[in-house]
C-alpha atoms as a PDB file:
ATOM      1  CA  MET A   1      40.286 -17.979 -71.480  1.00  0.00           C
ATOM      2  CA  LEU A   2      38.468 -14.925 -72.606  1.00  0.00           C
ATOM      3  CA  GLU A   3      38.647 -15.303 -75.961  1.00  0.00           C
ATOM      4  CA  ARG A   4      36.469 -18.641 -75.450  1.00  0.00           C
ATOM      5  CA  LEU A   5      33.564 -17.120 -73.954  1.00  0.00           C
ATOM      6  CA  THR A   6      30.750 -15.238 -75.219  1.00  0.00           C
ATOM      7  CA  PHE A   7      29.320 -12.377 -73.887  1.00  0.00           C
ATOM      8  CA  GLU A   8      25.750 -10.740 -73.504  1.00  0.00           C
ATOM      9  CA  ARG A   9      24.802  -8.150 -71.690  1.00  0.00           C
ATOM     10  CA  SER A  10      21.021  -8.456 -69.609  1.00  0.00           C
ATOM     11  CA  VAL A  11      20.001  -6.250 -67.177  1.00  0.00           C
ATOM     12  CA  PRO A  12      18.012  -9.056 -64.824  1.00  0.00           C
ATOM     13  CA  PHE A  13      15.100  -5.627 -64.180  1.00  0.00           C
ATOM     14  CA  ASP A  14      14.413  -4.596 -67.920  1.00  0.00           C
ATOM     15  CA  GLU A  15      11.230  -6.141 -68.777  1.00  0.00           C
ATOM     16  CA  ASP A  16      12.026  -7.910 -71.467  1.00  0.00           C
ATOM     17  CA  THR A  17      15.217  -9.246 -70.615  1.00  0.00           C
ATOM     18  CA  SER A  18      16.050 -12.565 -71.295  1.00  0.00           C
ATOM     19  CA  ILE A  19      17.296 -13.778 -68.445  1.00  0.00           C
ATOM     20  CA  TRP A  20      14.841 -15.643 -66.591  1.00  0.00           C
ATOM     21  CA  ALA A  21      15.031 -18.234 -69.755  1.00  0.00           C
ATOM     22  CA  PHE A  22      18.440 -19.109 -68.222  1.00  0.00           C
ATOM     23  CA  ASN A  23      18.338 -18.526 -64.576  1.00  0.00           C
ATOM     24  CA  PRO A  24      15.299 -19.291 -62.641  1.00  0.00           C
ATOM     25  CA  PHE A  25      16.229 -16.670 -59.854  1.00  0.00           C
ATOM     26  CA  GLY A  26      16.967 -13.791 -63.087  1.00  0.00           C
ATOM     27  CA  LYS A  27      19.427 -12.887 -61.452  1.00  0.00           C
ATOM     28  CA  VAL A  28      23.103 -12.103 -62.971  1.00  0.00           C
ATOM     29  CA  PRO A  29      25.787 -14.168 -63.573  1.00  0.00           C
ATOM     30  CA  CYS A  30      24.298 -16.980 -65.638  1.00  0.00           C
ATOM     31  CA  MET A  31      27.002 -19.143 -68.286  1.00  0.00           C
ATOM     32  CA  MET A  32      25.749 -20.865 -70.718  1.00  0.00           C
ATOM     33  CA  LEU A  33      28.019 -24.202 -71.268  1.00  0.00           C
ATOM     34  CA  ASP A  34      28.614 -25.346 -74.488  1.00  0.00           C
ATOM     35  CA  ASP A  35      26.101 -28.472 -74.213  1.00  0.00           C
ATOM     36  CA  GLY A  36      23.197 -26.013 -73.620  1.00  0.00           C
ATOM     37  CA  SER A  37      23.216 -26.070 -70.172  1.00  0.00           C
ATOM     38  CA  PRO A  38      23.186 -23.091 -67.526  1.00  0.00           C
ATOM     39  CA  LEU A  39      25.300 -22.458 -64.532  1.00  0.00           C
ATOM     40  CA  PHE A  40      23.985 -19.602 -62.471  1.00  0.00           C
ATOM     41  CA  GLY A  41      25.848 -17.982 -59.232  1.00  0.00           C
ATOM     42  CA  GLY A  42      29.067 -16.399 -58.966  1.00  0.00           C
ATOM     43  CA  LEU A  43      30.812 -18.777 -57.419  1.00  0.00           C
ATOM     44  CA  VAL A  44      29.613 -21.552 -59.198  1.00  0.00           C
ATOM     45  CA  ILE A  45      30.777 -19.848 -62.525  1.00  0.00           C
ATOM     46  CA  CYS A  46      34.247 -19.311 -60.458  1.00  0.00           C
ATOM     47  CA  GLU A  47      34.582 -22.722 -59.380  1.00  0.00           C
ATOM     48  CA  TYR A  48      33.390 -23.975 -63.241  1.00  0.00           C
ATOM     49  CA  LEU A  49      36.063 -21.317 -64.791  1.00  0.00           C
ATOM     50  CA  ASP A  50      38.338 -22.192 -62.516  1.00  0.00           C
ATOM     51  CA  SER A  51      38.403 -25.904 -63.103  1.00  0.00           C
ATOM     52  CA  LEU A  52      39.424 -25.345 -66.657  1.00  0.00           C
ATOM     53  CA  SER A  53      42.767 -24.462 -65.931  1.00  0.00           C
ATOM     54  CA  THR A  54      45.653 -25.828 -68.028  1.00  0.00           C
ATOM     55  CA  ASN A  55      48.249 -24.910 -65.473  1.00  0.00           C
ATOM     56  CA  GLY A  56      47.385 -26.705 -62.404  1.00  0.00           C
ATOM     57  CA  ARG A  57      46.822 -23.859 -59.905  1.00  0.00           C
ATOM     58  CA  SER A  58      43.417 -22.469 -58.399  1.00  0.00           C
ATOM     59  CA  VAL A  59      41.822 -20.455 -56.882  1.00  0.00           C
ATOM     60  CA  PHE A  60      40.041 -22.633 -54.285  1.00  0.00           C
ATOM     61  CA  PRO A  61      42.475 -23.814 -51.854  1.00  0.00           C
ATOM     62  CA  THR A  62      42.086 -27.032 -50.315  1.00  0.00           C
ATOM     63  CA  GLY A  63      42.468 -28.418 -46.513  1.00  0.00           C
ATOM     64  CA  ALA A  64      42.456 -25.829 -43.682  1.00  0.00           C
ATOM     65  CA  ALA A  65      42.720 -22.525 -45.960  1.00  0.00           C
ATOM     66  CA  ARG A  66      39.841 -23.736 -48.165  1.00  0.00           C
ATOM     67  CA  TRP A  67      37.164 -22.085 -45.360  1.00  0.00           C
ATOM     68  CA  PRO A  68      38.831 -18.827 -45.050  1.00  0.00           C
ATOM     69  CA  ALA A  69      38.457 -18.710 -48.396  1.00  0.00           C
ATOM     70  CA  LEU A  70      34.895 -19.552 -48.941  1.00  0.00           C
ATOM     71  CA  ARG A  71      33.897 -17.309 -45.840  1.00  0.00           C
ATOM     72  CA  GLN A  72      35.740 -14.443 -47.449  1.00  0.00           C
ATOM     73  CA  ALA A  73      34.348 -15.186 -50.627  1.00  0.00           C
ATOM     74  CA  ASN A  74      30.538 -15.103 -48.842  1.00  0.00           C
ATOM     75  CA  LEU A  75      31.402 -12.113 -47.593  1.00  0.00           C
ATOM     76  CA  GLY A  76      32.158 -10.003 -50.735  1.00  0.00           C
ATOM     77  CA  GLU A  77      28.881 -11.862 -52.304  1.00  0.00           C
ATOM     78  CA  GLY A  78      26.842 -10.843 -49.427  1.00  0.00           C
ATOM     79  CA  MET A  79      28.126  -7.367 -49.624  1.00  0.00           C
ATOM     80  CA  PHE A  80      27.448  -7.231 -53.307  1.00  0.00           C
ATOM     81  CA  ASP A  81      23.624  -8.316 -53.041  1.00  0.00           C
ATOM     82  CA  ALA A  82      23.168  -5.890 -49.643  1.00  0.00           C
ATOM     83  CA  THR A  83      24.029  -3.086 -51.994  1.00  0.00           C
ATOM     84  CA  THR A  84      21.662  -4.217 -55.103  1.00  0.00           C
ATOM     85  CA  ASN A  85      19.058  -5.122 -52.002  1.00  0.00           C
ATOM     86  CA  MET A  86      18.979  -1.707 -50.862  1.00  0.00           C
ATOM     87  CA  ARG A  87      19.742  -0.154 -54.584  1.00  0.00           C
ATOM     88  CA  VAL A  88      16.747  -1.157 -55.733  1.00  0.00           C
ATOM     89  CA  GLU A  89      14.683  -0.822 -52.584  1.00  0.00           C
ATOM     90  CA  GLY A  90      16.179   2.454 -52.950  1.00  0.00           C
ATOM     91  CA  TRP A  91      13.893   2.654 -56.638  1.00  0.00           C
ATOM     92  CA  ARG A  92      10.936   3.285 -55.135  1.00  0.00           C
ATOM     93  CA  LYS A  93       8.971   6.140 -54.282  1.00  0.00           C
ATOM     94  CA  VAL A  94      10.450   7.443 -50.522  1.00  0.00           C
ATOM     95  CA  GLU A  95       7.064   7.058 -49.560  1.00  0.00           C
ATOM     96  CA  GLU A  96       6.439   3.335 -50.674  1.00  0.00           C
ATOM     97  CA  ARG A  97      10.303   2.256 -49.954  1.00  0.00           C
ATOM     98  CA  HIS A  98      10.650  -0.418 -46.781  1.00  0.00           C
ATOM     99  CA  ALA A  99      12.898   1.515 -44.759  1.00  0.00           C
ATOM    100  CA  ASP A 100      13.225  -1.259 -42.124  1.00  0.00           C
ATOM    101  CA  TYR A 101      14.723  -3.521 -44.829  1.00  0.00           C
ATOM    102  CA  MET A 102      16.890  -1.615 -46.246  1.00  0.00           C
ATOM    103  CA  LEU A 103      18.578   0.043 -43.041  1.00  0.00           C
ATOM    104  CA  ARG A 104      19.051  -4.398 -42.401  1.00  0.00           C
ATOM    105  CA  GLU A 105      20.993  -3.855 -45.962  1.00  0.00           C
ATOM    106  CA  ARG A 106      22.587  -1.061 -45.194  1.00  0.00           C
ATOM    107  CA  ARG A 107      23.718  -2.870 -41.629  1.00  0.00           C
ATOM    108  CA  LYS A 108      25.150  -5.951 -43.936  1.00  0.00           C
ATOM    109  CA  VAL A 109      27.353  -3.732 -45.359  1.00  0.00           C
ATOM    110  CA  ILE A 110      28.619  -2.284 -42.852  1.00  0.00           C
ATOM    111  CA  ASN A 111      29.045  -5.319 -41.214  1.00  0.00           C
ATOM    112  CA  ALA A 112      30.576  -7.505 -43.959  1.00  0.00           C
ATOM    113  CA  LEU A 113      33.172  -4.148 -44.674  1.00  0.00           C
ATOM    114  CA  ASP A 114      34.050  -4.335 -40.737  1.00  0.00           C
ATOM    115  CA  ARG A 115      34.772  -8.155 -40.490  1.00  0.00           C
ATOM    116  CA  MET A 116      36.453  -8.014 -44.056  1.00  0.00           C
ATOM    117  CA  GLU A 117      38.756  -4.697 -41.356  1.00  0.00           C
ATOM    118  CA  LEU A 118      38.927  -7.358 -39.224  1.00  0.00           C
ATOM    119  CA  GLU A 119      40.610 -10.410 -41.119  1.00  0.00           C
ATOM    120  CA  ALA A 120      42.407  -7.958 -43.160  1.00  0.00           C
ATOM    121  CA  PRO A 121      46.002  -9.079 -41.675  1.00  0.00           C
ATOM    122  CA  GLN A 122      45.165 -13.028 -42.402  1.00  0.00           C
ATOM    123  CA  PHE A 123      44.086 -12.552 -46.803  1.00  0.00           C
ATOM    124  CA  ALA A 124      46.468 -10.010 -47.067  1.00  0.00           C
ATOM    125  CA  THR A 125      49.272 -12.592 -46.167  1.00  0.00           C
ATOM    126  CA  ALA A 126      47.413 -15.343 -48.220  1.00  0.00           C
ATOM    127  CA  PRO A 127      47.975 -16.599 -51.703  1.00  0.00           C
ATOM    128  CA  PHE A 128      45.795 -15.379 -53.966  1.00  0.00           C
ATOM    129  CA  HIS A 129      41.826 -16.798 -53.782  1.00  0.00           C
ATOM    130  CA  ILE A 130      38.812 -16.567 -54.490  1.00  0.00           C
ATOM    131  CA  GLY A 131      37.763 -14.794 -51.330  1.00  0.00           C
ATOM    132  CA  HIS A 132      40.091 -12.318 -52.851  1.00  0.00           C
ATOM    133  CA  ILE A 133      38.151 -12.021 -55.735  1.00  0.00           C
ATOM    134  CA  CYS A 134      34.731 -11.612 -54.480  1.00  0.00           C
ATOM    135  CA  MET A 135      35.857  -9.109 -51.505  1.00  0.00           C
ATOM    136  CA  ALA A 136      37.242  -7.048 -54.168  1.00  0.00           C
ATOM    137  CA  GLY A 137      34.435  -7.295 -56.183  1.00  0.00           C
ATOM    138  CA  GLY A 138      31.777  -6.364 -53.131  1.00  0.00           C
ATOM    139  CA  ILE A 139      33.993  -3.257 -52.521  1.00  0.00           C
ATOM    140  CA  SER A 140      34.665  -2.546 -56.179  1.00  0.00           C
ATOM    141  CA  TYR A 141      30.290  -2.283 -56.446  1.00  0.00           C
ATOM    142  CA  LEU A 142      30.205  -0.841 -53.209  1.00  0.00           C
ATOM    143  CA  GLU A 143      32.454   1.955 -54.670  1.00  0.00           C
ATOM    144  CA  LEU A 144      30.689   2.369 -58.202  1.00  0.00           C
ATOM    145  CA  ARG A 145      26.957   2.785 -56.489  1.00  0.00           C
ATOM    146  CA  ASN A 146      27.309   3.398 -52.791  1.00  0.00           C
ATOM    147  CA  PRO A 147      23.815   3.376 -51.951  1.00  0.00           C
ATOM    148  CA  ILE A 148      24.831   4.317 -48.286  1.00  0.00           C
ATOM    149  CA  GLN A 149      25.711   7.644 -49.376  1.00  0.00           C
ATOM    150  CA  GLU A 150      22.844   8.130 -51.749  1.00  0.00           C
ATOM    151  CA  HIS A 151      19.832   7.552 -49.701  1.00  0.00           C
ATOM    152  CA  ASP A 152      21.476   8.763 -46.355  1.00  0.00           C
ATOM    153  CA  MET A 153      19.434   7.128 -44.104  1.00  0.00           C
ATOM    154  CA  VAL A 154      21.727   7.603 -40.951  1.00  0.00           C
ATOM    155  CA  ALA A 155      23.451  10.539 -39.650  1.00  0.00           C
ATOM    156  CA  GLY A 156      26.547  10.609 -41.285  1.00  0.00           C
ATOM    157  CA  ASP A 157      25.466   8.693 -44.559  1.00  0.00           C
ATOM    158  CA  LYS A 158      25.497  11.601 -46.614  1.00  0.00           C
ATOM    159  CA  THR A 159      29.655  11.516 -46.099  1.00  0.00           C
ATOM    160  CA  PHE A 160      29.765   7.852 -46.209  1.00  0.00           C
ATOM    161  CA  GLU A 161      33.396   6.708 -47.024  1.00  0.00           C
ATOM    162  CA  TRP A 162      33.499   2.951 -46.744  1.00  0.00           C
ATOM    163  CA  ARG A 163      37.754   3.638 -45.942  1.00  0.00           C
ATOM    164  CA  GLN A 164      37.077   5.344 -42.525  1.00  0.00           C
ATOM    165  CA  ASN A 165      38.310   3.305 -39.890  1.00  0.00           C
ATOM    166  CA  ARG A 166      39.340   1.030 -42.392  1.00  0.00           C
ATOM    167  CA  PRO A 167      43.255   1.240 -42.799  1.00  0.00           C
ATOM    168  CA  ARG A 168      44.232  -2.311 -42.886  1.00  0.00           C
ATOM    169  CA  LEU A 169      41.420  -3.569 -45.505  1.00  0.00           C
ATOM    170  CA  SER A 170      42.050   0.020 -47.196  1.00  0.00           C
ATOM    171  CA  ALA A 171      45.571  -1.068 -48.245  1.00  0.00           C
ATOM    172  CA  TRP A 172      44.822  -4.426 -48.973  1.00  0.00           C
ATOM    173  CA  TYR A 173      41.933  -3.322 -51.473  1.00  0.00           C
ATOM    174  CA  ASP A 174      44.611  -1.100 -53.293  1.00  0.00           C
ATOM    175  CA  GLU A 175      47.200  -3.382 -53.600  1.00  0.00           C
ATOM    176  CA  ILE A 176      44.800  -6.269 -55.164  1.00  0.00           C
ATOM    177  CA  ARG A 177      43.123  -3.859 -57.881  1.00  0.00           C
ATOM    178  CA  LYS A 178      47.199  -3.820 -58.857  1.00  0.00           C
ATOM    179  CA  ARG A 179      46.639  -6.975 -60.352  1.00  0.00           C
ATOM    180  CA  ARG A 180      46.353  -7.690 -64.055  1.00  0.00           C
ATOM    181  CA  SER A 181      43.294 -10.352 -62.834  1.00  0.00           C
ATOM    182  CA  LEU A 182      41.427  -7.661 -61.488  1.00  0.00           C
ATOM    183  CA  GLN A 183      41.648  -4.995 -64.152  1.00  0.00           C
ATOM    184  CA  TYR A 184      40.028  -6.550 -66.866  1.00  0.00           C
ATOM    185  CA  ARG A 185      36.910  -4.283 -68.192  1.00  0.00           C
ATOM    186  CA  TYR A 186      34.909  -5.636 -70.859  1.00  0.00           C
ATOM    187  CA  GLU A 187      34.029  -3.244 -73.213  1.00  0.00           C
ATOM    188  CA  TRP A 188      30.235  -3.377 -74.306  1.00  0.00           C
ATOM    189  CA  PRO A 189      29.592  -2.752 -77.872  1.00  0.00           C
ATOM    190  CA  GLN A 190      27.260   0.359 -78.360  1.00  0.00           C
ATOM    191  CA  SER A 191      23.691  -0.115 -78.818  1.00  0.00           C
ATOM    192  CA  LYS A 192      22.570   1.284 -82.234  1.00  0.00           C
ATOM    193  CA  LYS A 193      20.024   3.777 -82.446  1.00  0.00           C
END
C-alpha cells in the first residue's frame, strides 16, 4: 500500500510551512485524498488506511476489545503530544518558559508510561491493534526526543530513562519493535543546497 502514497515533508513550526492550507490546526500528520479532501489526525488517517485493507483484517478491533485498544491508542497519542509540547515550550529562552506548563506535560508523559506498564500484561497478549501502534509510536518518539532529560526540571530528570521500573512495558516494546510493520522507515530525499 505504501507504494500508492506520496510523502511530502512538512515541518509545522517552519515559517513557510504549507500545512495550514490542509489542516486547520497546523499539525502533522495530514493526508490528502485523491478527491482533494484532507484527513488530519493520526487515528483518523490510520482508520482510513485500515479501511483499504483487502485481506479482511483490521487493526481496529470490534466488540469489547475495541475500547481497550482505543484507550491505549489515546495513551500513545497523548504521550506523543505531551512530549512535543514539552519540547516546543523548551525552545523558549529559559526565563520565558512556562515551567508549570512544562511540568504538567512532563506529568502526562510519566502518567502515560505508568498506565502502559499497568496494562502491559493485557496488551502483550492481545492481537496486534491500533493501540499497539500508537503506544509504540509514542515511546519511540520519547526515545528520539527526550525532553525530560533535556530540560532537567525535577531531580533525577538528567538521567531519566523510561524503562526504569517498567519491566513489562520495556519487554513488550522490545518485542513489538521486531514487527516488520513497525520497522519501516521512509528515507526523505536530501534537499539540494
